[in-house]
Amino acid sequence: MRRWSLAGRLFLGQLAFILCVSGGIAWGLYQQAEENTYEETGERMLAVAGTVAASDTVRAAAGAFPDGQVSGDSALQDYAQEVMAGVGVDFVTIMDTDRTRLTHRNPEQIGKPYIGSVDQALAGKSFTETYTGTLGPSVRAITPVRDDAGNVTALVAAGITVDRVGIARDARLPELFAIDAAALAAGALASYLLSRYLRRATYGLGPAELAHMFTFYDSALHSVREGLLLHNNRGELVLYNDEAAALLGLPPRGAGLEVPELPDLPGPLASLLRTGRDAREEVHLTGERILVVNQSDAVSPGPHGRRFGIVTTLRDCTDVESLTGELASMRTLADALSAQAHEHANRVHTLVSLIELGRSEEALRFATADLEQSQHLNDEVLAGVEEPAVTALLMGKAAQARERGIDLEITVAAAGGRFSGGGVEPVELVTIIGNLLDNAFDAAAGLVTLSLGSDDGALLIAVEDDGPGVDSDVLERIFEQGFSTKQLPEGRTASGRGIGLALVRQAVNRLSGRIQVLPGHGACFRVDIPLPSTEAAPAGGRP
């Protein structure tokens, strides 16, 4: 039995149970048939005995035999014989009140005492009994014979042997066995169909295999480092692991707990989970995390697999994306330094050429202007910003702005001293400033202004451009993932659009800050980030 499947074991158990039940039903039906047969035979004997007792022949002859002369009336014996032959009973015995037989199937028994109970009949009541007489065990009925005054003048006993009763009972057995066989067949068929369904549902596995599989799968489910969600065909969440609970803010999954509803999620992620569409490596944002989501149907194996629901996996890429953003900033700085080196080489060649041509005054003016431009950038960025990551980002963005023909003005509040971030993670500052500047570069007509400062224990960051601004109709949606007001270039897909401002809002939320869109000529984004209470917030003016 160790290798038998759960379905096979259930089928055998049900079959044994059905056999026991059907055997019990058969025995009950047999007992009921026997009881009914005896009852019907008794009623029939009562009817025969009552009819004989009520006949004029018996009533007239009952009082005509003085004691000791009972053997001489052959007419009454002939009548009894005629009744026995006509109705098919084994005996009809007419007797005197003192048990003396007046008739009998065996004429030699006439005149002898009747063997059986007569007290109730003498009291005027008809009754039935099973008794062993001269013909063996029989079912008999005894009825009083009354005269016109109602006195009991004789008794009539009519009966049939038990063997003949058994024959009548056995005649019903084929019908009873057919009913029992039909019940057995129906039960066996139902058990087979249930076993077949269970075999498909359990893939022919046994209880031990199912228990081991559940243990292994449950351990694997909770040990994987990716979040896993299972939805049924109605879209209801039925299972999730510990990592999914941590990523989506669900309560820890435990035995006996009802599966909760999903919490409020950002629009694109909520829409993905609600529609159940296939997804491959899609990036979605929650309140504090960047998730890579994969989603597909859960289909049973086989050519005609059945769909059981939807499987969703979640991979936390918050740290990876943050490091990627910082790396991109470093790459931007490296490109900018390379461009500056190339530009510096061109300027040196220009100076050498001017000197060779003897135009020293023009070479001096050219060198002075170049030095002032570089010094201004150093004064505004290197001298004003203490955080190296932010400095690298701004140097790169300044070079990028020059390449795109945009004038980038960077202002650090003079009263605030060096902009250090006040204990805020540099990665978060890079994400906020870098994405705001990228968004401003795309919208600007030619001027972008960045202001950095601190006030009342909070860092202040403001980015403004001279572009068309933000329409009031879309003001509430610009921070949603996937939403963008930019025109999609021909031949390009929408993948990756509308994520910059969503990342900014996510970073601001992680820092318990606030982001606003202020009115102005173009678009003006202002970010307020509270400094940690243990840090001394530098004083400064508003940007």
Protein backbone atom coordinates (compact mmCIF):
# COMPACT_ATOMS: atom_id res chain seq x y z
CA MET A 1 0.00 0.00 0.00
CA ARG A 2 2.98 2.33 0.31
CA ARG A 3 3.02 2.97 -3.42
CA TRP A 4 -0.73 3.25 -3.80
CA SER A 5 -2.00 6.69 -4.68
CA LEU A 6 -4.34 8.64 -2.45
CA ALA A 7 -7.10 8.14 -5.02
CA GLY A 8 -6.55 4.36 -5.07
CA ARG A 9 -6.62 4.12 -1.29
CA LEU A 10 -9.77 6.18 -1.12
CA PHE A 11 -11.42 4.01 -3.77
CA LEU A 12 -10.60 0.80 -1.87
CA GLY A 13 -11.80 2.28 1.39
CA GLN A 14 -15.03 3.50 -0.17
CA LEU A 15 -15.57 0.17 -1.91
CA ALA A 16 -15.16 -1.72 1.38
CA PHE A 17 -17.52 0.69 3.07
CA ILE A 18 -20.09 0.32 0.28
CA LEU A 19 -19.85 -3.47 0.50
CA CYS A 20 -20.50 -3.33 4.22
CA VAL A 21 -23.39 -0.92 3.76
CA SER A 22 -24.89 -2.94 0.93
CA GLY A 23 -24.54 -6.13 3.01
CA GLY A 24 -26.34 -4.43 5.87
CA ILE A 25 -29.02 -3.19 3.50
CA ALA A 26 -29.42 -6.71 2.06
CA TRP A 27 -29.78 -8.22 5.53
CA GLY A 28 -32.28 -5.55 6.53
CA LEU A 29 -34.29 -6.07 3.37
CA TYR A 30 -34.27 -9.85 3.97
CA GLN A 31 -35.50 -9.42 7.52
CA GLN A 32 -38.15 -6.98 6.39
CA ALA A 33 -39.26 -9.34 3.62
CA GLU A 34 -39.55 -12.21 6.11
CA GLU A 35 -41.49 -10.09 8.56
CA ASN A 36 -43.82 -8.82 5.84
CA THR A 37 -44.36 -12.34 4.55
CA TYR A 38 -45.34 -13.63 8.00
CA GLU A 39 -47.61 -10.63 8.57
CA GLU A 40 -49.31 -11.03 5.20
CA THR A 41 -49.69 -14.81 5.79
CA GLY A 42 -51.21 -14.19 9.20
CA GLU A 43 -53.69 -11.66 7.78
CA ARG A 44 -54.58 -14.09 5.02
CA MET A 45 -55.15 -16.91 7.54
CA LEU A 46 -57.33 -14.59 9.61
CA ALA A 47 -59.40 -13.85 6.54
CA VAL A 48 -59.77 -17.57 5.71
CA ALA A 49 -60.61 -18.54 9.29
CA GLY A 50 -63.09 -15.67 9.63
CA THR A 51 -64.81 -16.60 6.38
CA VAL A 52 -65.13 -20.25 7.45
CA ALA A 53 -66.36 -19.25 10.92
CA ALA A 54 -69.00 -17.01 9.38
CA SER A 55 -70.32 -19.60 6.93
CA ASP A 56 -73.82 -20.98 7.54
CA THR A 57 -72.53 -24.54 7.18
CA VAL A 58 -70.15 -24.22 10.09
CA ARG A 59 -72.51 -22.18 12.28
CA ALA A 60 -75.30 -24.70 11.75
CA ALA A 61 -73.09 -27.71 12.41
CA ALA A 62 -71.19 -26.22 15.32
CA GLY A 63 -73.93 -27.03 17.86
CA ALA A 64 -75.25 -30.21 16.24
CA PHE A 65 -72.65 -32.57 17.65
CA PRO A 66 -73.27 -33.83 21.12
CA ASP A 67 -70.17 -34.89 22.96
CA GLY A 68 -68.75 -38.17 21.71
CA GLN A 69 -70.41 -38.05 18.25
CA VAL A 70 -67.99 -35.76 16.41
CA SER A 71 -66.70 -38.34 13.93
CA GLY A 72 -69.93 -38.99 12.16
CA ASP A 73 -70.41 -35.70 10.15
CA SER A 74 -68.65 -36.15 6.87
CA ALA A 75 -70.32 -33.01 5.39
CA LEU A 76 -68.35 -30.69 7.65
CA GLN A 77 -65.12 -32.55 6.83
CA ASP A 78 -65.89 -32.29 3.12
CA TYR A 79 -66.50 -28.56 3.48
CA ALA A 80 -63.16 -28.11 5.21
CA GLN A 81 -61.40 -30.11 2.50
CA GLU A 82 -63.08 -27.98 -0.17
CA VAL A 83 -61.92 -24.78 1.51
CA MET A 84 -58.34 -26.07 1.86
CA ALA A 85 -58.22 -26.95 -1.83
CA GLY A 86 -59.89 -23.75 -2.91
CA VAL A 87 -57.79 -21.16 -1.04
CA GLY A 88 -54.53 -23.13 -0.89
CA VAL A 89 -54.09 -23.42 2.86
CA ASP A 90 -52.52 -26.45 4.55
CA PHE A 91 -55.26 -27.02 7.08
CA VAL A 92 -58.67 -25.82 8.20
CA THR A 93 -59.54 -27.29 11.59
CA ILE A 94 -62.99 -26.81 13.06
CA MET A 95 -63.13 -27.69 16.76
CA ASP A 96 -65.45 -27.70 19.68
CA THR A 97 -64.90 -25.34 22.56
CA ASP A 98 -63.21 -28.12 24.47
CA ARG A 99 -60.47 -28.43 21.72
CA THR A 100 -62.04 -31.56 20.19
CA ARG A 101 -61.32 -31.56 16.47
CA LEU A 102 -64.42 -31.77 14.24
CA THR A 103 -62.37 -31.64 11.02
CA HIS A 104 -58.73 -32.19 10.13
CA ARG A 105 -56.57 -32.67 7.05
CA ASN A 106 -55.77 -36.13 8.35
CA PRO A 107 -59.10 -37.78 9.15
CA GLU A 108 -57.38 -39.91 11.80
CA GLN A 109 -56.88 -36.78 13.90
CA ILE A 110 -60.63 -36.02 14.04
CA GLY A 111 -61.90 -36.32 17.59
CA LYS A 112 -58.50 -35.70 19.11
CA PRO A 113 -57.62 -32.49 21.04
CA TYR A 114 -56.40 -29.48 19.05
CA ILE A 115 -52.76 -28.59 19.69
CA GLY A 116 -52.29 -24.85 20.10
CA SER A 117 -53.62 -21.77 21.92
CA VAL A 118 -57.39 -21.23 22.09
CA ASP A 119 -57.88 -19.02 25.16
CA GLN A 120 -58.21 -15.74 23.21
CA ALA A 121 -60.60 -17.32 20.72
CA LEU A 122 -62.74 -18.69 23.57
CA ALA A 123 -62.83 -15.14 24.90
CA GLY A 124 -64.24 -14.04 21.54
CA LYS A 125 -61.07 -12.60 19.96
CA SER A 126 -59.39 -13.73 16.74
CA PHE A 127 -55.57 -14.01 16.77
CA THR A 128 -52.60 -15.45 14.90
CA GLU A 129 -49.59 -17.44 16.07
CA THR A 130 -46.73 -19.60 14.85
CA TYR A 131 -47.05 -23.00 16.44
CA THR A 132 -45.85 -26.57 15.90
CA GLY A 133 -48.75 -28.93 15.45
CA THR A 134 -49.33 -32.28 13.82
CA LEU A 135 -48.21 -30.90 10.43
CA GLY A 136 -45.11 -29.24 11.85
CA PRO A 137 -44.43 -25.52 12.40
CA SER A 138 -47.18 -23.38 10.87
CA VAL A 139 -48.58 -19.87 10.80
CA ARG A 140 -52.19 -20.17 11.93
CA ALA A 141 -55.18 -18.01 12.78
CA ILE A 142 -57.89 -19.02 15.31
CA THR A 143 -61.35 -17.44 15.09
CA PRO A 144 -64.45 -18.06 17.26
CA VAL A 145 -67.74 -19.31 15.75
CA ARG A 146 -70.76 -17.51 17.23
CA ASP A 147 -74.44 -18.35 17.29
CA ASP A 148 -77.20 -15.85 16.77
CA ALA A 149 -76.99 -14.83 20.43
CA GLY A 150 -73.28 -14.12 20.10
CA ASN A 151 -72.14 -17.04 22.16
CA VAL A 152 -68.96 -18.90 21.16
CA THR A 153 -70.09 -22.33 20.03
CA ALA A 154 -66.96 -23.54 18.19
CA LEU A 155 -63.53 -22.50 16.95
CA VAL A 156 -61.93 -22.44 13.48
CA ALA A 157 -58.15 -22.68 12.91
CA ALA A 158 -56.70 -22.04 9.44
CA GLY A 159 -52.98 -22.26 8.77
CA ILE A 160 -50.10 -22.76 6.40
CA THR A 161 -46.80 -24.47 7.16
CA VAL A 162 -43.65 -22.43 7.75
CA ASP A 163 -42.00 -24.12 4.76
CA ARG A 164 -44.57 -22.63 2.43
CA VAL A 165 -44.18 -19.25 4.11
CA GLY A 166 -40.43 -19.48 3.43
CA ILE A 167 -41.13 -20.23 -0.21
CA ALA A 168 -43.24 -17.05 -0.44
CA ARG A 169 -40.51 -15.10 1.30
CA ASP A 170 -37.80 -16.46 -0.99
CA ALA A 171 -39.84 -15.45 -4.02
CA ARG A 172 -39.16 -11.85 -3.08
CA LEU A 173 -35.41 -12.28 -2.73
CA PRO A 174 -34.50 -11.70 -6.43
CA GLU A 175 -36.18 -8.32 -6.33
CA LEU A 176 -34.45 -7.43 -3.07
CA PHE A 177 -31.09 -8.60 -4.35
CA ALA A 178 -31.60 -6.59 -7.54
CA ILE A 179 -32.22 -3.45 -5.47
CA ASP A 180 -29.16 -4.15 -3.34
CA ALA A 181 -27.02 -4.87 -6.41
CA ALA A 182 -28.19 -1.62 -8.02
CA ALA A 183 -27.27 0.30 -4.87
CA LEU A 184 -23.88 -1.43 -4.77
CA ALA A 185 -23.23 -0.65 -8.45
CA ALA A 186 -24.27 2.99 -8.03
CA GLY A 187 -22.03 3.37 -4.98
CA ALA A 188 -19.09 1.70 -6.72
CA LEU A 189 -19.54 3.92 -9.80
CA ALA A 190 -19.70 7.07 -7.65
CA SER A 191 -16.57 5.96 -5.80
CA TYR A 192 -14.78 5.27 -9.07
CA LEU A 193 -15.68 8.68 -10.49
CA LEU A 194 -14.60 10.40 -7.27
CA SER A 195 -11.37 8.40 -7.27
CA ARG A 196 -10.73 9.32 -10.88
CA TYR A 197 -11.27 13.02 -10.15
CA LEU A 198 -9.03 12.83 -7.09
CA ARG A 199 -6.36 11.04 -9.12
CA ARG A 200 -6.35 13.92 -11.63
CA ALA A 201 -6.34 16.51 -8.88
CA THR A 202 -3.43 14.89 -7.00
CA TYR A 203 -1.57 13.66 -10.11
CA GLY A 204 -1.66 10.10 -8.78
CA LEU A 205 0.45 10.89 -5.71
CA GLY A 206 0.16 9.07 -2.41
CA PRO A 207 -0.46 10.65 1.02
CA ALA A 208 3.21 10.45 2.02
CA GLU A 209 4.32 12.01 -1.26
CA LEU A 210 1.74 14.78 -0.89
CA ALA A 211 2.86 15.46 2.68
CA HIS A 212 6.52 15.58 1.66
CA MET A 213 5.72 17.78 -1.33
CA PHE A 214 3.73 20.20 0.81
CA THR A 215 6.56 20.39 3.36
CA PHE A 216 9.21 20.95 0.69
CA TYR A 217 7.15 23.48 -1.26
CA ASP A 218 6.17 25.39 1.86
CA SER A 219 9.81 25.55 2.97
CA ALA A 220 10.89 26.65 -0.50
CA LEU A 221 8.09 29.23 -0.65
CA HIS A 222 9.23 30.92 2.54
CA SER A 223 12.97 30.59 1.92
CA VAL A 224 13.21 32.18 -1.54
CA ARG A 225 14.43 35.75 -1.62
CA GLU A 226 11.83 36.88 -4.13
CA GLY A 227 8.28 37.82 -3.21
CA LEU A 228 5.66 35.38 -4.46
CA LEU A 229 1.92 36.02 -4.79
CA LEU A 230 -0.74 33.53 -5.90
CA HIS A 231 -4.17 34.71 -7.07
CA ASN A 232 -7.05 32.42 -7.98
CA ASN A 233 -9.19 32.79 -11.11
CA ARG A 234 -11.47 35.23 -9.29
CA GLY A 235 -8.52 37.53 -8.62
CA GLU A 236 -8.44 36.80 -4.87
CA LEU A 237 -5.09 36.56 -3.10
CA VAL A 238 -4.76 32.98 -1.80
CA LEU A 239 -1.07 32.64 -0.90
CA TYR A 240 2.06 34.73 -0.43
CA ASN A 241 5.46 34.24 1.15
CA ASP A 242 7.43 36.19 3.75
CA GLU A 243 9.33 38.27 1.20
CA ALA A 244 6.10 39.39 -0.49
CA ALA A 245 4.71 40.34 2.91
CA ALA A 246 7.77 42.52 3.56
CA LEU A 247 7.71 44.13 0.11
CA LEU A 248 3.99 44.95 0.05
CA GLY A 249 3.35 45.57 3.75
CA LEU A 250 1.21 42.45 4.29
CA PRO A 251 0.92 40.79 7.72
CA PRO A 252 3.21 37.78 8.23
CA ARG A 253 1.60 34.61 6.94
CA GLY A 254 0.78 32.14 9.70
CA ALA A 255 -1.33 29.06 10.30
CA GLY A 256 -5.01 29.78 10.76
CA LEU A 257 -4.83 33.34 9.44
CA GLU A 258 -7.19 34.47 6.74
CA VAL A 259 -5.53 35.77 3.60
CA PRO A 260 -5.86 39.58 3.71
CA GLU A 261 -6.67 41.99 0.94
CA LEU A 262 -3.78 43.69 -0.82
CA PRO A 263 -2.98 47.13 0.57
CA ASP A 264 -3.29 50.28 -1.50
CA LEU A 265 -0.67 50.12 -4.25
CA PRO A 266 0.43 52.61 -6.91
CA GLY A 267 -1.77 52.69 -10.02
CA PRO A 268 0.39 50.72 -12.49
CA LEU A 269 1.19 47.92 -10.01
CA ALA A 270 -2.42 47.69 -8.82
CA SER A 271 -3.61 47.56 -12.44
CA LEU A 272 -1.12 44.78 -13.24
CA LEU A 273 -2.27 42.63 -10.32
CA ARG A 274 -5.92 43.34 -11.03
CA THR A 275 -5.88 42.53 -14.75
CA GLY A 276 -3.62 39.49 -14.42
CA ARG A 277 -1.85 40.17 -17.71
CA ASP A 278 1.55 38.63 -18.46
CA ALA A 279 4.53 40.74 -17.39
CA ARG A 280 8.25 40.23 -17.90
CA GLU A 281 10.81 42.19 -15.87
CA GLU A 282 8.57 45.24 -15.46
CA VAL A 283 9.78 47.95 -13.06
CA HIS A 284 7.16 49.26 -10.62
CA LEU A 285 7.36 51.63 -7.69
CA THR A 286 5.74 51.33 -4.29
CA GLY A 287 5.94 53.82 -1.46
CA GLU A 288 9.56 53.08 -0.65
CA ARG A 289 10.74 50.39 -3.05
CA ILE A 290 11.58 49.71 -6.66
CA LEU A 291 10.23 46.31 -7.67
CA VAL A 292 10.86 44.18 -10.74
CA VAL A 293 7.64 42.25 -11.40
CA ASN A 294 7.05 39.08 -13.40
CA GLN A 295 3.56 37.65 -13.81
CA SER A 296 2.10 34.67 -15.67
CA ASP A 297 -0.75 32.17 -15.53
CA ALA A 298 -0.55 29.10 -13.28
CA VAL A 299 -1.40 26.20 -15.60
CA SER A 300 -1.39 22.50 -14.77
CA PRO A 301 1.03 20.32 -16.78
CA GLY A 302 -0.14 18.51 -19.89
CA PRO A 303 -1.30 19.43 -23.41
CA HIS A 304 -4.68 20.58 -22.09
CA GLY A 305 -3.50 22.28 -18.93
CA ARG A 306 -6.08 23.85 -16.66
CA ARG A 307 -5.63 27.45 -15.52
CA PHE A 308 -5.66 27.67 -11.73
CA GLY A 309 -4.82 31.35 -11.28
CA ILE A 310 -1.94 33.79 -11.56
CA VAL A 311 1.62 33.66 -10.18
CA THR A 312 3.38 36.96 -9.49
CA THR A 313 7.00 37.33 -8.43
CA LEU A 314 8.47 40.50 -6.94
CA ARG A 315 12.18 41.32 -6.81
CA ASP A 316 13.42 44.24 -4.73
CA CYS A 317 15.83 46.33 -6.80
CA THR A 318 15.78 49.47 -4.67
CA ASP A 319 19.46 49.27 -3.72
CA VAL A 320 20.49 48.17 -7.18
CA GLU A 321 18.61 51.04 -8.83
CA SER A 322 20.08 53.51 -6.37
CA LEU A 323 23.60 52.28 -7.05
CA THR A 324 22.84 52.34 -10.76
CA GLY A 325 21.76 55.96 -10.46
CA GLU A 326 24.91 56.86 -8.59
CA LEU A 327 27.00 55.01 -11.15
CA ALA A 328 25.22 56.90 -13.92
CA SER A 329 26.09 60.14 -12.16
CA MET A 330 29.74 59.09 -11.98
CA ARG A 331 29.66 58.15 -15.65
CA THR A 332 28.15 61.53 -16.45
CA LEU A 333 30.96 63.20 -14.53
CA ALA A 334 33.57 61.12 -16.33
CA ASP A 335 32.08 62.08 -19.70
CA ALA A 336 31.98 65.69 -18.63
CA LEU A 337 35.63 65.63 -17.53
CA SER A 338 36.56 64.01 -20.82
CA ALA A 339 34.69 66.71 -22.70
CA GLN A 340 36.34 69.37 -20.54
CA ALA A 341 39.76 67.86 -21.23
CA HIS A 342 39.04 67.93 -24.96
CA GLU A 343 37.75 71.50 -24.66
CA HIS A 344 40.79 72.53 -22.61
CA ALA A 345 43.10 71.04 -25.24
CA ASN A 346 41.36 73.10 -27.90
CA ARG A 347 41.74 76.25 -25.81
CA VAL A 348 45.45 75.55 -25.21
CA HIS A 349 45.94 75.13 -28.97
CA THR A 350 44.12 78.41 -29.47
CA LEU A 351 46.39 80.17 -26.95
CA VAL A 352 49.52 78.71 -28.54
CA SER A 353 48.39 79.79 -31.96
CA LEU A 354 47.62 83.34 -30.78
CA ILE A 355 51.06 83.59 -29.14
CA GLU A 356 52.81 82.24 -32.26
CA LEU A 357 50.99 84.88 -34.29
CA GLY A 358 52.26 87.56 -31.91
CA ARG A 359 48.82 88.47 -30.65
CA SER A 360 49.65 88.20 -26.97
CA GLU A 361 47.01 90.64 -25.73
CA GLU A 362 44.19 88.67 -27.36
CA ALA A 363 45.66 85.45 -25.93
CA LEU A 364 45.63 87.03 -22.46
CA ARG A 365 42.01 88.13 -22.76
CA PHE A 366 41.01 84.65 -24.00
CA ALA A 367 42.79 82.94 -21.10
CA THR A 368 41.30 85.36 -18.55
CA ALA A 369 37.73 84.75 -19.79
CA ASP A 370 38.22 80.98 -19.70
CA LEU A 371 39.63 81.18 -16.15
CA GLU A 372 36.69 83.31 -14.95
CA GLN A 373 34.17 80.83 -16.37
CA SER A 374 35.89 77.88 -14.71
CA GLN A 375 36.32 79.77 -11.45
CA HIS A 376 32.62 80.66 -11.38
CA LEU A 377 31.67 76.98 -11.70
CA ASN A 378 34.13 76.07 -8.96
CA ASP A 379 32.83 78.83 -6.70
CA GLU A 380 29.21 77.81 -7.15
CA VAL A 381 29.64 74.06 -7.07
CA LEU A 382 32.94 72.94 -5.56
CA ALA A 383 33.06 75.69 -2.96
CA GLY A 384 29.34 75.56 -2.08
CA VAL A 385 28.60 71.82 -2.03
CA GLU A 386 30.42 69.60 0.43
CA GLU A 387 28.94 66.21 -0.53
CA PRO A 388 31.24 64.59 -3.17
CA ALA A 389 28.44 62.63 -4.84
CA VAL A 390 26.32 65.74 -5.30
CA THR A 391 29.38 67.70 -6.51
CA ALA A 392 30.11 65.05 -9.12
CA LEU A 393 26.49 65.06 -10.21
CA LEU A 394 26.37 68.85 -10.62
CA MET A 395 29.67 68.96 -12.52
CA GLY A 396 28.33 66.38 -14.92
CA LYS A 397 24.97 68.10 -15.31
CA ALA A 398 26.71 71.44 -15.97
CA ALA A 399 28.68 69.88 -18.82
CA GLN A 400 25.51 68.18 -20.09
CA ALA A 401 23.65 71.49 -20.03
CA ARG A 402 26.41 73.18 -22.09
CA GLU A 403 26.26 70.38 -24.65
CA ARG A 404 22.50 70.87 -24.99
CA GLY A 405 22.78 74.66 -25.19
CA ILE A 406 21.10 75.21 -21.82
CA ASP A 407 22.24 77.75 -19.28
CA LEU A 408 22.38 76.01 -15.88
CA GLU A 409 22.49 78.39 -12.94
CA ILE A 410 23.45 76.81 -9.61
CA THR A 411 22.88 78.80 -6.45
CA VAL A 412 23.86 77.76 -2.94
CA ALA A 413 22.44 79.96 -0.16
CA ALA A 414 25.32 82.13 1.07
CA ALA A 415 24.18 82.02 4.69
CA GLY A 416 24.00 78.26 4.67
CA GLY A 417 27.69 77.62 4.20
CA ARG A 418 28.62 74.43 2.41
CA PHE A 419 25.74 72.22 1.32
CA SER A 420 26.50 68.91 3.09
CA GLY A 421 23.15 67.13 3.11
CA GLY A 422 22.90 67.17 6.89
CA GLY A 423 23.16 63.38 7.34
CA VAL A 424 20.80 62.51 4.45
CA GLU A 425 21.95 59.57 2.34
CA PRO A 426 23.89 60.87 -0.71
CA VAL A 427 22.18 58.31 -2.94
CA GLU A 428 18.80 59.85 -2.14
CA LEU A 429 20.08 63.36 -2.93
CA VAL A 430 21.53 62.15 -6.23
CA THR A 431 18.19 60.57 -7.15
CA ILE A 432 16.21 63.72 -6.30
CA ILE A 433 18.50 66.36 -7.84
CA GLY A 434 19.50 64.27 -10.87
CA ASN A 435 15.93 63.40 -11.93
CA LEU A 436 14.64 66.92 -11.33
CA LEU A 437 17.44 68.35 -13.48
CA ASP A 438 16.85 65.79 -16.24
CA ASN A 439 13.16 66.65 -16.25
CA ALA A 440 13.97 70.37 -16.37
CA PHE A 441 16.48 69.91 -19.25
CA ASP A 442 13.79 68.19 -21.31
CA ALA A 443 11.28 70.99 -20.71
CA ALA A 444 13.54 74.10 -20.72
CA ALA A 445 13.74 76.59 -23.55
CA GLY A 446 17.24 77.67 -22.56
CA LEU A 447 17.51 78.27 -18.81
CA VAL A 448 17.42 75.98 -15.76
CA THR A 449 17.97 77.19 -12.19
CA LEU A 450 19.00 74.96 -9.28
CA SER A 451 18.88 76.34 -5.73
CA LEU A 452 20.27 74.52 -2.70
CA GLY A 453 19.96 75.60 0.91
CA SER A 454 18.58 74.84 4.36
CA ASP A 455 16.03 76.43 6.65
CA ASP A 456 14.43 75.50 10.01
CA GLY A 457 16.14 72.11 10.17
CA ALA A 458 15.26 71.10 6.61
CA LEU A 459 17.14 70.82 3.34
CA LEU A 460 15.64 72.88 0.53
CA ILE A 461 16.06 71.96 -3.13
CA ALA A 462 14.39 73.93 -5.92
CA VAL A 463 14.64 73.33 -9.68
CA GLU A 464 13.02 75.76 -12.12
CA ASP A 465 13.00 75.92 -15.90
CA ASP A 466 11.72 78.44 -18.44
CA GLY A 467 9.64 75.89 -20.32
CA PRO A 468 5.82 75.76 -20.78
CA GLY A 469 5.17 74.70 -17.18
CA VAL A 470 2.76 72.05 -15.87
CA ASP A 471 -0.93 72.14 -16.76
CA SER A 472 -3.26 72.16 -13.78
CA ASP A 473 -5.17 69.24 -15.34
CA VAL A 474 -2.20 66.88 -14.94
CA LEU A 475 -0.74 68.38 -11.78
CA GLU A 476 -1.97 65.46 -9.64
CA ARG A 477 -0.70 62.80 -12.05
CA ILE A 478 2.82 63.90 -12.91
CA PHE A 479 4.28 61.87 -10.03
CA GLU A 480 2.52 58.65 -11.09
CA GLN A 481 4.67 55.94 -12.59
CA GLY A 482 4.11 55.60 -16.34
CA PHE A 483 2.61 59.10 -16.78
CA SER A 484 4.50 61.55 -18.99
CA THR A 485 3.63 64.75 -20.86
CA LYS A 486 6.52 64.28 -23.32
CA GLN A 487 5.76 63.33 -26.89
CA LEU A 488 6.85 59.80 -27.72
CA PRO A 489 9.37 59.76 -30.60
CA GLU A 490 8.25 57.86 -33.67
CA GLY A 491 9.18 54.19 -33.53
CA ARG A 492 9.77 54.24 -29.76
CA THR A 493 7.71 52.31 -27.19
CA ALA A 494 6.41 53.67 -23.90
CA SER A 495 8.55 51.32 -21.80
CA GLY A 496 10.50 53.19 -19.13
CA ARG A 497 8.57 56.46 -19.55
CA GLY A 498 7.21 58.39 -16.61
CA ILE A 499 9.56 57.02 -13.97
CA GLY A 500 11.83 59.99 -13.14
CA LEU A 501 9.37 62.05 -11.05
CA ALA A 502 7.97 58.85 -9.55
CA LEU A 503 11.49 58.01 -8.30
CA VAL A 504 11.81 61.53 -6.91
CA ARG A 505 8.56 61.24 -4.96
CA GLN A 506 9.55 57.81 -3.70
CA ALA A 507 12.90 59.11 -2.42
CA VAL A 508 11.23 62.14 -0.82
CA ASN A 509 8.70 59.88 0.91
CA ARG A 510 11.49 57.67 2.26
CA LEU A 511 13.08 60.79 3.77
CA SER A 512 9.70 61.94 5.21
CA GLY A 513 9.93 65.04 3.05
CA ARG A 514 7.54 66.99 0.82
CA ILE A 515 7.61 67.90 -2.86
CA GLN A 516 5.59 70.74 -4.37
CA VAL A 517 5.01 72.22 -7.79
CA LEU A 518 5.10 76.00 -7.35
CA PRO A 519 3.55 78.52 -9.75
CA GLY A 520 5.92 80.41 -12.01
CA HIS A 521 6.85 81.19 -15.62
CA GLY A 522 7.89 77.59 -16.22
CA ALA A 523 7.87 74.52 -14.00
CA CYS A 524 9.24 74.93 -10.46
CA PHE A 525 9.70 71.88 -8.22
CA ARG A 526 10.54 72.43 -4.56
CA VAL A 527 11.61 69.68 -2.16
CA ASP A 528 11.72 70.04 1.63
CA ILE A 529 13.61 67.29 3.48
CA PRO A 530 13.67 67.34 7.31
CA LEU A 531 17.11 66.79 8.79
CA PRO A 532 17.66 64.09 11.44
CA SER A 533 17.04 65.45 14.93
CA THR A 534 20.53 64.43 16.08
CA GLU A 535 22.16 66.56 13.42
CA ALA A 536 22.63 70.26 13.79
CA ALA A 537 20.78 71.86 10.95
CA PRO A 538 22.78 74.65 9.30
CA ALA A 539 21.18 78.04 9.13
CA GLY A 540 20.56 79.55 5.79
CA GLY A 541 18.21 81.41 3.58
CA ARG A 542 15.50 80.05 1.37
CA PRO A 543 16.54 79.31 -2.20
